[in-house]
Protein backbone atom coordinates (compact mmCIF):
# COMPACT_ATOMS: atom_id res chain seq x y z
CA MET A 1 37.79 -58.48 -125.73
CA ILE A 2 38.80 -57.82 -122.18
CA GLN A 3 41.12 -54.90 -121.78
CA PRO A 4 43.77 -54.05 -119.64
CA MET A 5 43.23 -51.91 -116.54
CA SER A 6 43.98 -47.98 -117.35
CA LEU A 7 46.37 -45.95 -115.71
CA ASP A 8 43.30 -43.82 -114.50
CA VAL A 9 41.17 -46.72 -113.16
CA VAL A 10 44.30 -47.97 -111.56
CA LEU A 11 45.20 -44.72 -109.58
CA ARG A 12 41.32 -44.41 -108.64
CA GLU A 13 41.38 -48.14 -107.19
CA PHE A 14 43.81 -48.49 -105.01
CA SER A 15 45.66 -46.22 -102.56
CA GLU A 16 48.99 -44.70 -102.77
CA GLY A 17 50.86 -47.28 -100.03
CA TYR A 18 49.57 -50.19 -102.08
CA LYS A 19 52.09 -52.94 -102.47
CA ALA A 20 52.48 -55.30 -105.48
CA TRP A 21 54.94 -57.99 -106.89
CA VAL A 22 56.30 -57.70 -110.54
CA ILE A 23 59.10 -59.45 -112.03
CA ARG A 24 62.21 -57.64 -112.69
CA ALA A 25 65.81 -58.55 -114.36
CA ASN A 26 69.25 -57.54 -113.29
CA SER A 27 68.66 -55.14 -115.92
CA GLY A 28 66.21 -53.10 -114.10
CA LYS A 29 63.75 -53.78 -117.18
CA TYR A 30 60.10 -55.46 -115.89
CA LEU A 31 58.97 -58.55 -117.50
CA VAL A 32 56.54 -58.81 -120.06
CA VAL A 33 54.14 -61.67 -120.06
CA PRO A 34 51.75 -62.14 -123.04
CA ASP A 35 48.56 -63.35 -122.10
CA ASN A 36 46.24 -64.16 -124.93
CA ARG A 37 42.98 -62.54 -122.77
CA PHE A 38 44.91 -59.51 -124.32
CA PRO A 39 46.13 -60.72 -128.05
CA GLY A 40 48.24 -58.03 -129.67
CA ARG A 41 49.28 -56.32 -126.37
CA ARG A 42 52.40 -56.52 -124.08
CA PRO A 43 51.76 -55.83 -120.46
CA ILE A 44 53.78 -55.83 -117.41
CA VAL A 45 51.71 -58.13 -114.95
CA PHE A 46 51.43 -56.85 -111.31
CA PHE A 47 50.84 -59.87 -108.30
CA LYS A 48 48.93 -59.36 -105.16
CA SER A 49 51.37 -61.88 -103.51
CA ARG A 50 55.06 -62.83 -103.81
CA TYR A 51 53.39 -66.49 -104.33
CA ASP A 52 51.49 -65.57 -107.48
CA ALA A 53 54.92 -63.81 -108.97
CA THR A 54 56.91 -66.48 -108.03
CA ARG A 55 54.48 -69.41 -109.29
CA LEU A 56 54.13 -67.28 -112.82
CA LEU A 57 58.41 -66.69 -112.40
CA ASP A 58 59.36 -70.38 -112.37
CA ALA A 59 56.77 -71.44 -115.13
CA ILE A 60 58.07 -69.18 -117.47
CA LEU A 61 61.64 -70.52 -116.37
CA LYS A 62 60.83 -74.08 -116.66
CA LEU A 63 59.06 -73.36 -120.34
CA ARG A 64 61.99 -70.90 -121.16
CA PRO A 65 65.44 -71.55 -119.60
CA VAL A 66 66.95 -68.81 -122.16
CA LEU A 67 65.55 -66.38 -119.78
CA ILE A 68 67.86 -67.75 -116.39
CA PRO A 69 70.52 -65.52 -117.17
CA GLN A 70 68.65 -62.23 -117.01
CA GLY A 71 68.61 -62.69 -113.13
CA LEU A 72 64.81 -62.78 -112.93
CA ILE A 73 63.48 -62.27 -109.54
CA GLU A 74 59.98 -61.41 -107.75
CA VAL A 75 60.02 -57.58 -106.45
CA GLU A 76 57.72 -56.05 -103.75
CA VAL A 77 56.90 -52.42 -105.18
CA ARG A 78 54.90 -49.23 -104.29
CA LEU A 79 52.11 -50.16 -107.16
CA LEU A 80 51.11 -46.35 -108.46
CA GLU A 81 54.24 -44.90 -107.97
CA THR A 82 56.04 -48.03 -110.34
CA LEU A 83 53.04 -47.40 -112.58
CA ARG A 84 53.30 -43.78 -112.85
CA GLY A 85 56.96 -44.39 -113.28
CA ILE A 86 56.42 -46.88 -116.42
CA ALA A 87 53.79 -44.73 -117.97
CA ALA A 88 56.08 -42.18 -117.90
CA ASP A 89 58.69 -43.70 -119.12
CA ARG A 90 58.55 -43.29 -123.21
CA SER A 91 61.64 -45.26 -124.18
CA ARG A 92 59.56 -48.72 -122.90
CA ALA A 93 59.87 -50.23 -126.14
CA GLN A 94 58.82 -53.64 -124.91
CA ALA A 95 55.36 -53.20 -123.04
CA ASP A 96 52.77 -51.08 -124.02
CA SER A 97 50.45 -51.95 -121.11
CA PHE A 98 50.23 -53.31 -117.30
CA VAL A 99 47.87 -55.81 -115.35
CA ILE A 100 47.19 -56.93 -111.53
CA LEU A 101 46.15 -60.38 -111.22
CA SER A 102 44.23 -62.15 -108.94
CA PRO A 103 45.61 -65.73 -107.77
CA ASN A 104 42.44 -67.40 -110.32
CA GLU A 105 44.29 -65.39 -113.52
CA VAL A 106 47.73 -66.25 -112.18
CA SER A 107 46.69 -70.08 -112.58
CA ASP A 108 45.13 -69.03 -115.64
CA LEU A 109 48.43 -67.72 -116.71
CA ILE A 110 50.42 -70.35 -115.82
CA SER A 111 48.16 -72.90 -117.91
CA GLN A 112 48.95 -70.95 -121.44
CA PHE A 113 52.66 -71.77 -120.83
CA LYS A 114 52.60 -75.08 -120.23
CA PRO A 115 54.17 -77.03 -123.43
CA LYS A 116 51.74 -78.58 -125.41
CA ALA A 117 51.41 -82.74 -125.59
CA SER A 118 52.97 -83.91 -128.73
CA SER A 119 50.71 -86.28 -130.54
């Protein structure tokens, strides 16, 4: 089973100035996106581009329109600063990890959310 990146690995691999995109609600909470590659985990997903964040957000809102009132938007953040804040937040009961997705991984994740055809 593949594992999400640990905070230590991310801190070694990315610079302080590295920016990424994340999906956040009006409340300030980050969207947790289930991913079949991480069974039992509920990661916050970071993206390398706004385009990828938008693609996933659009797919999620089409499948789960009940999320629309939460005002989900794509936000550019300083990756390491944001990850440290998430890791330090002891009240973040909704998420237990984070992942940084490549464009191909975004496509794979979107395919997991497509409704299955009825027989």
